[in-house]
Amino acid sequence: MSALAELYEKIAACQDCEELVRTRNKVVPGEGAENAQIVFIGEAPGFHEDQQGLPFVGQAGQFLDQLLSSIGLKRSDVYICNVIKCRPPGNRDPLPIEINNCQKWLDQQIELISPKMIVTLGRYSLAKYFPGETISKIHGKERKIDNVIYFPMYHPAAALHQQSLRQTIEADMTKIPSLLARIEEVKEEESKPQQLSMF
């Protein structure tokens, strides 16, 4: 069993949030390639995710699939998860204590996958990596910390509620391949042996 699969078992057995344990159908740890270069982090599972135990399977997930396809990627090429792993009742916002309780799981996922890029989808994952920032100001503007690119985007669900955001989200998505290519180039430069001067 892989380290990530072992982690899923621990997450599925989690009892940290009394209300969520009582109301959830399925825990939704995450899905995708264990060696993914890009990790997408949403907010919390919704109704469909709670039924299936998979992230982003509702309408917002269909839009995310289209976005991935627009840059030549499939779900199986990336890793997708949420800040919290259980659906809040009635799709309410996650509570600070729930985000805090679940933080250890997300941190372990990131550590095991070791991505080159983390894309935050929506304000809860934004708050983890860009504390104090607002998504309307910094969406589509990358930051590089310790060789990882952090890239904030609106949550795909935002486009379902506010059609005008759809183009913004699509435009931000198209920036991802060149950002990844740049980090690859830098890595290659670093790994090339230095030419010794003959003089």
C-alpha atoms as a PDB file:
ATOM      1  CA  MET A   1       0.000   0.000   0.000  1.00  0.00           C
ATOM      2  CA  SER A   2       1.313   3.442  -0.911  1.00  0.00           C
ATOM      3  CA  ALA A   3       1.977   6.096   1.713  1.00  0.00           C
ATOM      4  CA  LEU A   4      -0.903   8.147   0.326  1.00  0.00           C
ATOM      5  CA  ALA A   5      -3.321   5.184   0.505  1.00  0.00           C
ATOM      6  CA  GLU A   6      -2.264   4.636   4.130  1.00  0.00           C
ATOM      7  CA  LEU A   7      -2.935   8.297   4.826  1.00  0.00           C
ATOM      8  CA  TYR A   8      -6.425   7.939   3.271  1.00  0.00           C
ATOM      9  CA  GLU A   9      -7.217   5.194   5.780  1.00  0.00           C
ATOM     10  CA  LYS A  10      -6.211   7.460   8.657  1.00  0.00           C
ATOM     11  CA  ILE A  11      -8.291  10.336   7.252  1.00  0.00           C
ATOM     12  CA  ALA A  12     -11.321   8.027   6.810  1.00  0.00           C
ATOM     13  CA  ALA A  13     -11.079   7.033  10.481  1.00  0.00           C
ATOM     14  CA  CYS A  14     -10.748  10.647  11.706  1.00  0.00           C
ATOM     15  CA  GLN A  15     -13.095  11.572  14.574  1.00  0.00           C
ATOM     16  CA  ASP A  16     -11.818  15.104  15.264  1.00  0.00           C
ATOM     17  CA  CYS A  17     -14.959  17.082  14.324  1.00  0.00           C
ATOM     18  CA  GLU A  18     -17.961  15.712  16.188  1.00  0.00           C
ATOM     19  CA  GLU A  19     -20.637  17.294  13.990  1.00  0.00           C
ATOM     20  CA  LEU A  20     -18.976  16.326  10.706  1.00  0.00           C
ATOM     21  CA  VAL A  21     -18.392  12.752  11.854  1.00  0.00           C
ATOM     22  CA  ARG A  22     -22.095  12.533  12.707  1.00  0.00           C
ATOM     23  CA  THR A  23     -23.411  14.023   9.441  1.00  0.00           C
ATOM     24  CA  ARG A  24     -20.972  12.832   6.762  1.00  0.00           C
ATOM     25  CA  ASN A  25     -21.653   9.943   4.393  1.00  0.00           C
ATOM     26  CA  LYS A  26     -18.124   9.526   3.077  1.00  0.00           C
ATOM     27  CA  VAL A  27     -14.826  11.162   3.866  1.00  0.00           C
ATOM     28  CA  VAL A  28     -13.294  12.815   0.780  1.00  0.00           C
ATOM     29  CA  PRO A  29      -9.481  12.662   1.167  1.00  0.00           C
ATOM     30  CA  GLY A  30      -8.445  13.558  -2.396  1.00  0.00           C
ATOM     31  CA  GLU A  31      -7.762  12.018  -5.781  1.00  0.00           C
ATOM     32  CA  GLY A  32      -5.096  11.994  -8.451  1.00  0.00           C
ATOM     33  CA  ALA A  33      -1.499  11.213  -9.289  1.00  0.00           C
ATOM     34  CA  GLU A  34       0.757  10.527  -6.316  1.00  0.00           C
ATOM     35  CA  ASN A  35       3.655  12.166  -8.161  1.00  0.00           C
ATOM     36  CA  ALA A  36       1.573  15.075  -9.495  1.00  0.00           C
ATOM     37  CA  GLN A  37       3.398  18.295 -10.329  1.00  0.00           C
ATOM     38  CA  ILE A  38       0.264  20.332  -9.583  1.00  0.00           C
ATOM     39  CA  VAL A  39      -2.041  20.103  -6.566  1.00  0.00           C
ATOM     40  CA  PHE A  40      -5.409  21.878  -6.684  1.00  0.00           C
ATOM     41  CA  ILE A  41      -6.874  22.654  -3.259  1.00  0.00           C
ATOM     42  CA  GLY A  42     -10.564  23.518  -2.932  1.00  0.00           C
ATOM     43  CA  GLU A  43     -12.631  24.302   0.147  1.00  0.00           C
ATOM     44  CA  ALA A  44     -14.827  21.419   1.334  1.00  0.00           C
ATOM     45  CA  PRO A  45     -16.777  18.511  -0.152  1.00  0.00           C
ATOM     46  CA  GLY A  46     -20.349  19.241  -1.310  1.00  0.00           C
ATOM     47  CA  PHE A  47     -23.369  16.969  -1.634  1.00  0.00           C
ATOM     48  CA  HIS A  48     -22.103  14.870  -4.587  1.00  0.00           C
ATOM     49  CA  GLU A  49     -18.590  14.562  -3.152  1.00  0.00           C
ATOM     50  CA  ASP A  50     -20.023  13.355   0.167  1.00  0.00           C
ATOM     51  CA  GLN A  51     -22.025  10.678  -1.702  1.00  0.00           C
ATOM     52  CA  GLN A  52     -19.112   9.429  -3.814  1.00  0.00           C
ATOM     53  CA  GLY A  53     -16.100  10.056  -1.584  1.00  0.00           C
ATOM     54  CA  LEU A  54     -14.346  11.882  -4.454  1.00  0.00           C
ATOM     55  CA  PRO A  55     -13.494  15.583  -4.788  1.00  0.00           C
ATOM     56  CA  PHE A  56     -15.029  17.919  -7.378  1.00  0.00           C
ATOM     57  CA  VAL A  57     -17.611  15.571  -8.904  1.00  0.00           C
ATOM     58  CA  GLY A  58     -20.525  18.033  -9.118  1.00  0.00           C
ATOM     59  CA  GLN A  59     -21.000  20.940 -11.531  1.00  0.00           C
ATOM     60  CA  ALA A  60     -17.921  22.758 -10.244  1.00  0.00           C
ATOM     61  CA  GLY A  61     -15.946  19.572 -10.867  1.00  0.00           C
ATOM     62  CA  GLN A  62     -17.172  19.392 -14.458  1.00  0.00           C
ATOM     63  CA  PHE A  63     -15.972  22.952 -14.976  1.00  0.00           C
ATOM     64  CA  LEU A  64     -12.610  22.049 -13.393  1.00  0.00           C
ATOM     65  CA  ASP A  65     -12.319  19.132 -15.838  1.00  0.00           C
ATOM     66  CA  GLN A  66     -12.932  21.563 -18.733  1.00  0.00           C
ATOM     67  CA  LEU A  67     -10.313  23.938 -17.337  1.00  0.00           C
ATOM     68  CA  LEU A  68      -7.754  21.131 -17.086  1.00  0.00           C
ATOM     69  CA  SER A  69      -8.570  20.011 -20.616  1.00  0.00           C
ATOM     70  CA  SER A  70      -8.001  23.591 -21.865  1.00  0.00           C
ATOM     71  CA  ILE A  71      -4.325  23.285 -20.867  1.00  0.00           C
ATOM     72  CA  GLY A  72      -3.931  19.704 -22.064  1.00  0.00           C
ATOM     73  CA  LEU A  73      -4.318  17.980 -18.695  1.00  0.00           C
ATOM     74  CA  LYS A  74      -6.605  15.305 -17.295  1.00  0.00           C
ATOM     75  CA  ARG A  75      -7.672  14.695 -13.730  1.00  0.00           C
ATOM     76  CA  SER A  76      -5.273  11.758 -13.532  1.00  0.00           C
ATOM     77  CA  ASP A  77      -2.329  14.108 -14.297  1.00  0.00           C
ATOM     78  CA  VAL A  78      -2.908  16.317 -11.258  1.00  0.00           C
ATOM     79  CA  TYR A  79      -3.923  15.938  -7.625  1.00  0.00           C
ATOM     80  CA  ILE A  80      -7.179  17.416  -6.308  1.00  0.00           C
ATOM     81  CA  CYS A  81      -8.214  17.774  -2.678  1.00  0.00           C
ATOM     82  CA  ASN A  82      -9.906  20.159  -0.246  1.00  0.00           C
ATOM     83  CA  VAL A  83      -8.952  22.092   2.872  1.00  0.00           C
ATOM     84  CA  ILE A  84     -11.397  19.970   4.857  1.00  0.00           C
ATOM     85  CA  LYS A  85     -12.195  16.355   4.081  1.00  0.00           C
ATOM     86  CA  CYS A  86     -15.829  16.064   5.267  1.00  0.00           C
ATOM     87  CA  ARG A  87     -18.906  17.894   4.010  1.00  0.00           C
ATOM     88  CA  PRO A  88     -20.192  20.596   6.366  1.00  0.00           C
ATOM     89  CA  PRO A  89     -23.943  20.084   6.917  1.00  0.00           C
ATOM     90  CA  GLY A  90     -26.088  21.969   4.402  1.00  0.00           C
ATOM     91  CA  ASN A  91     -22.917  23.051   2.579  1.00  0.00           C
ATOM     92  CA  ARG A  92     -22.267  25.705   5.217  1.00  0.00           C
ATOM     93  CA  ASP A  93     -18.813  27.306   5.350  1.00  0.00           C
ATOM     94  CA  PRO A  94     -16.136  25.291   7.162  1.00  0.00           C
ATOM     95  CA  LEU A  95     -15.589  26.470  10.733  1.00  0.00           C
ATOM     96  CA  PRO A  96     -12.120  27.655  11.830  1.00  0.00           C
ATOM     97  CA  ILE A  97     -11.807  24.702  14.223  1.00  0.00           C
ATOM     98  CA  GLU A  98     -12.653  22.247  11.406  1.00  0.00           C
ATOM     99  CA  ILE A  99     -10.026  23.820   9.139  1.00  0.00           C
ATOM    100  CA  ASN A 100      -7.568  23.630  12.012  1.00  0.00           C
ATOM    101  CA  ASN A 101      -8.386  19.974  12.797  1.00  0.00           C
ATOM    102  CA  CYS A 102      -7.972  19.011   9.131  1.00  0.00           C
ATOM    103  CA  GLN A 103      -4.762  20.939   8.544  1.00  0.00           C
ATOM    104  CA  LYS A 104      -2.535  18.004   9.518  1.00  0.00           C
ATOM    105  CA  TRP A 105      -4.087  15.843   6.767  1.00  0.00           C
ATOM    106  CA  LEU A 106      -3.575  18.449   4.044  1.00  0.00           C
ATOM    107  CA  ASP A 107      -0.003  19.108   5.200  1.00  0.00           C
ATOM    108  CA  GLN A 108       0.801  15.377   5.035  1.00  0.00           C
ATOM    109  CA  GLN A 109      -0.720  15.088   1.548  1.00  0.00           C
ATOM    110  CA  ILE A 110       1.409  17.969   0.263  1.00  0.00           C
ATOM    111  CA  GLU A 111       4.508  16.472   1.889  1.00  0.00           C
ATOM    112  CA  LEU A 112       3.947  13.048   0.272  1.00  0.00           C
ATOM    113  CA  ILE A 113       3.134  14.406  -3.205  1.00  0.00           C
ATOM    114  CA  SER A 114       5.800  17.131  -3.131  1.00  0.00           C
ATOM    115  CA  PRO A 115       4.276  19.165  -5.997  1.00  0.00           C
ATOM    116  CA  LYS A 116       6.020  21.902  -7.980  1.00  0.00           C
ATOM    117  CA  MET A 117       2.862  23.989  -7.953  1.00  0.00           C
ATOM    118  CA  ILE A 118      -0.069  24.470  -5.569  1.00  0.00           C
ATOM    119  CA  VAL A 119      -3.205  26.072  -7.004  1.00  0.00           C
ATOM    120  CA  THR A 120      -5.592  27.434  -4.386  1.00  0.00           C
ATOM    121  CA  LEU A 121      -9.257  27.374  -5.448  1.00  0.00           C
ATOM    122  CA  GLY A 122     -11.389  29.779  -3.434  1.00  0.00           C
ATOM    123  CA  ARG A 123     -10.876  31.743  -0.253  1.00  0.00           C
ATOM    124  CA  TYR A 124     -10.277  28.976   2.292  1.00  0.00           C
ATOM    125  CA  SER A 125      -7.242  27.496   0.577  1.00  0.00           C
ATOM    126  CA  LEU A 126      -6.163  31.059  -0.285  1.00  0.00           C
ATOM    127  CA  ALA A 127      -6.183  31.911   3.443  1.00  0.00           C
ATOM    128  CA  LYS A 128      -3.822  29.002   4.196  1.00  0.00           C
ATOM    129  CA  TYR A 129      -1.105  30.139   1.789  1.00  0.00           C
ATOM    130  CA  PHE A 130      -1.859  33.858   1.370  1.00  0.00           C
ATOM    131  CA  PRO A 131      -3.045  34.976   4.822  1.00  0.00           C
ATOM    132  CA  GLY A 132      -4.692  38.377   4.888  1.00  0.00           C
ATOM    133  CA  GLU A 133      -5.042  38.582   1.087  1.00  0.00           C
ATOM    134  CA  THR A 134      -8.285  38.818  -0.891  1.00  0.00           C
ATOM    135  CA  ILE A 135      -8.874  36.687  -3.951  1.00  0.00           C
ATOM    136  CA  SER A 136     -10.169  39.562  -6.086  1.00  0.00           C
ATOM    137  CA  LYS A 137      -6.796  41.306  -5.681  1.00  0.00           C
ATOM    138  CA  ILE A 138      -4.334  38.469  -6.113  1.00  0.00           C
ATOM    139  CA  HIS A 139      -5.990  35.816  -8.317  1.00  0.00           C
ATOM    140  CA  GLY A 140      -3.721  34.789 -11.193  1.00  0.00           C
ATOM    141  CA  LYS A 141      -0.580  36.210  -9.536  1.00  0.00           C
ATOM    142  CA  GLU A 142       1.915  33.523  -8.613  1.00  0.00           C
ATOM    143  CA  ARG A 143       4.318  33.470  -5.688  1.00  0.00           C
ATOM    144  CA  LYS A 144       7.339  31.209  -5.428  1.00  0.00           C
ATOM    145  CA  ILE A 145       8.345  29.997  -1.985  1.00  0.00           C
ATOM    146  CA  ASP A 146      10.990  27.274  -1.452  1.00  0.00           C
ATOM    147  CA  ASN A 147      10.871  26.144  -5.101  1.00  0.00           C
ATOM    148  CA  VAL A 148       7.086  25.743  -5.058  1.00  0.00           C
ATOM    149  CA  ILE A 149       4.809  28.048  -7.066  1.00  0.00           C
ATOM    150  CA  TYR A 150       1.638  29.089  -5.246  1.00  0.00           C
ATOM    151  CA  PHE A 151      -1.081  30.248  -7.638  1.00  0.00           C
ATOM    152  CA  PRO A 152      -4.405  31.627  -6.362  1.00  0.00           C
ATOM    153  CA  MET A 153      -7.570  31.190  -8.440  1.00  0.00           C
ATOM    154  CA  TYR A 154     -11.282  31.679  -7.911  1.00  0.00           C
ATOM    155  CA  HIS A 155     -13.134  28.491  -7.017  1.00  0.00           C
ATOM    156  CA  PRO A 156     -14.747  26.933 -10.139  1.00  0.00           C
ATOM    157  CA  ALA A 157     -18.125  27.119  -8.336  1.00  0.00           C
ATOM    158  CA  ALA A 158     -17.827  30.925  -8.400  1.00  0.00           C
ATOM    159  CA  ALA A 159     -18.381  30.822 -12.177  1.00  0.00           C
ATOM    160  CA  LEU A 160     -21.616  28.906 -11.668  1.00  0.00           C
ATOM    161  CA  HIS A 161     -22.986  31.675  -9.421  1.00  0.00           C
ATOM    162  CA  GLN A 162     -21.418  34.610 -11.241  1.00  0.00           C
ATOM    163  CA  GLN A 163     -21.103  34.059 -14.978  1.00  0.00           C
ATOM    164  CA  SER A 164     -18.782  37.072 -15.401  1.00  0.00           C
ATOM    165  CA  LEU A 165     -16.060  35.242 -13.430  1.00  0.00           C
ATOM    166  CA  ARG A 166     -15.942  32.388 -15.919  1.00  0.00           C
ATOM    167  CA  GLN A 167     -13.582  34.179 -18.335  1.00  0.00           C
ATOM    168  CA  THR A 168     -11.366  35.328 -15.468  1.00  0.00           C
ATOM    169  CA  ILE A 169     -11.006  31.752 -14.228  1.00  0.00           C
ATOM    170  CA  GLU A 170     -10.342  30.451 -17.749  1.00  0.00           C
ATOM    171  CA  ALA A 171      -7.705  33.151 -18.336  1.00  0.00           C
ATOM    172  CA  ASP A 172      -5.942  32.407 -15.029  1.00  0.00           C
ATOM    173  CA  MET A 173      -5.856  28.692 -15.875  1.00  0.00           C
ATOM    174  CA  THR A 174      -4.041  29.352 -19.154  1.00  0.00           C
ATOM    175  CA  LYS A 175      -1.084  30.836 -17.218  1.00  0.00           C
ATOM    176  CA  ILE A 176      -0.299  27.525 -15.496  1.00  0.00           C
ATOM    177  CA  PRO A 177       1.699  25.719 -18.263  1.00  0.00           C
ATOM    178  CA  SER A 178       4.199  28.554 -18.746  1.00  0.00           C
ATOM    179  CA  LEU A 179       4.695  28.909 -14.977  1.00  0.00           C
ATOM    180  CA  LEU A 180       5.457  25.189 -14.722  1.00  0.00           C
ATOM    181  CA  ALA A 181       7.767  25.342 -17.748  1.00  0.00           C
ATOM    182  CA  ARG A 182       9.713  28.179 -16.121  1.00  0.00           C
ATOM    183  CA  ILE A 183      10.297  26.223 -12.936  1.00  0.00           C
ATOM    184  CA  GLU A 184      11.482  23.248 -15.044  1.00  0.00           C
ATOM    185  CA  GLU A 185      13.945  25.470 -16.916  1.00  0.00           C
ATOM    186  CA  VAL A 186      15.384  26.790 -13.669  1.00  0.00           C
ATOM    187  CA  LYS A 187      15.797  23.223 -12.380  1.00  0.00           C
ATOM    188  CA  GLU A 188      17.586  22.200 -15.594  1.00  0.00           C
ATOM    189  CA  GLU A 189      19.962  25.146 -15.352  1.00  0.00           C
ATOM    190  CA  GLU A 190      20.777  24.156 -11.776  1.00  0.00           C
ATOM    191  CA  SER A 191      21.476  20.538 -12.733  1.00  0.00           C
ATOM    192  CA  LYS A 192      23.792  21.315 -15.667  1.00  0.00           C
ATOM    193  CA  PRO A 193      27.449  20.927 -14.713  1.00  0.00           C
ATOM    194  CA  GLN A 194      29.312  24.213 -14.829  1.00  0.00           C
ATOM    195  CA  GLN A 195      31.726  24.493 -17.767  1.00  0.00           C
ATOM    196  CA  LEU A 196      35.273  24.978 -16.557  1.00  0.00           C
ATOM    197  CA  SER A 197      37.117  27.813 -18.210  1.00  0.00           C
ATOM    198  CA  MET A 198      40.300  26.826 -20.045  1.00  0.00           C
ATOM    199  CA  PHE A 199      42.025  30.116 -19.179  1.00  0.00           C
END
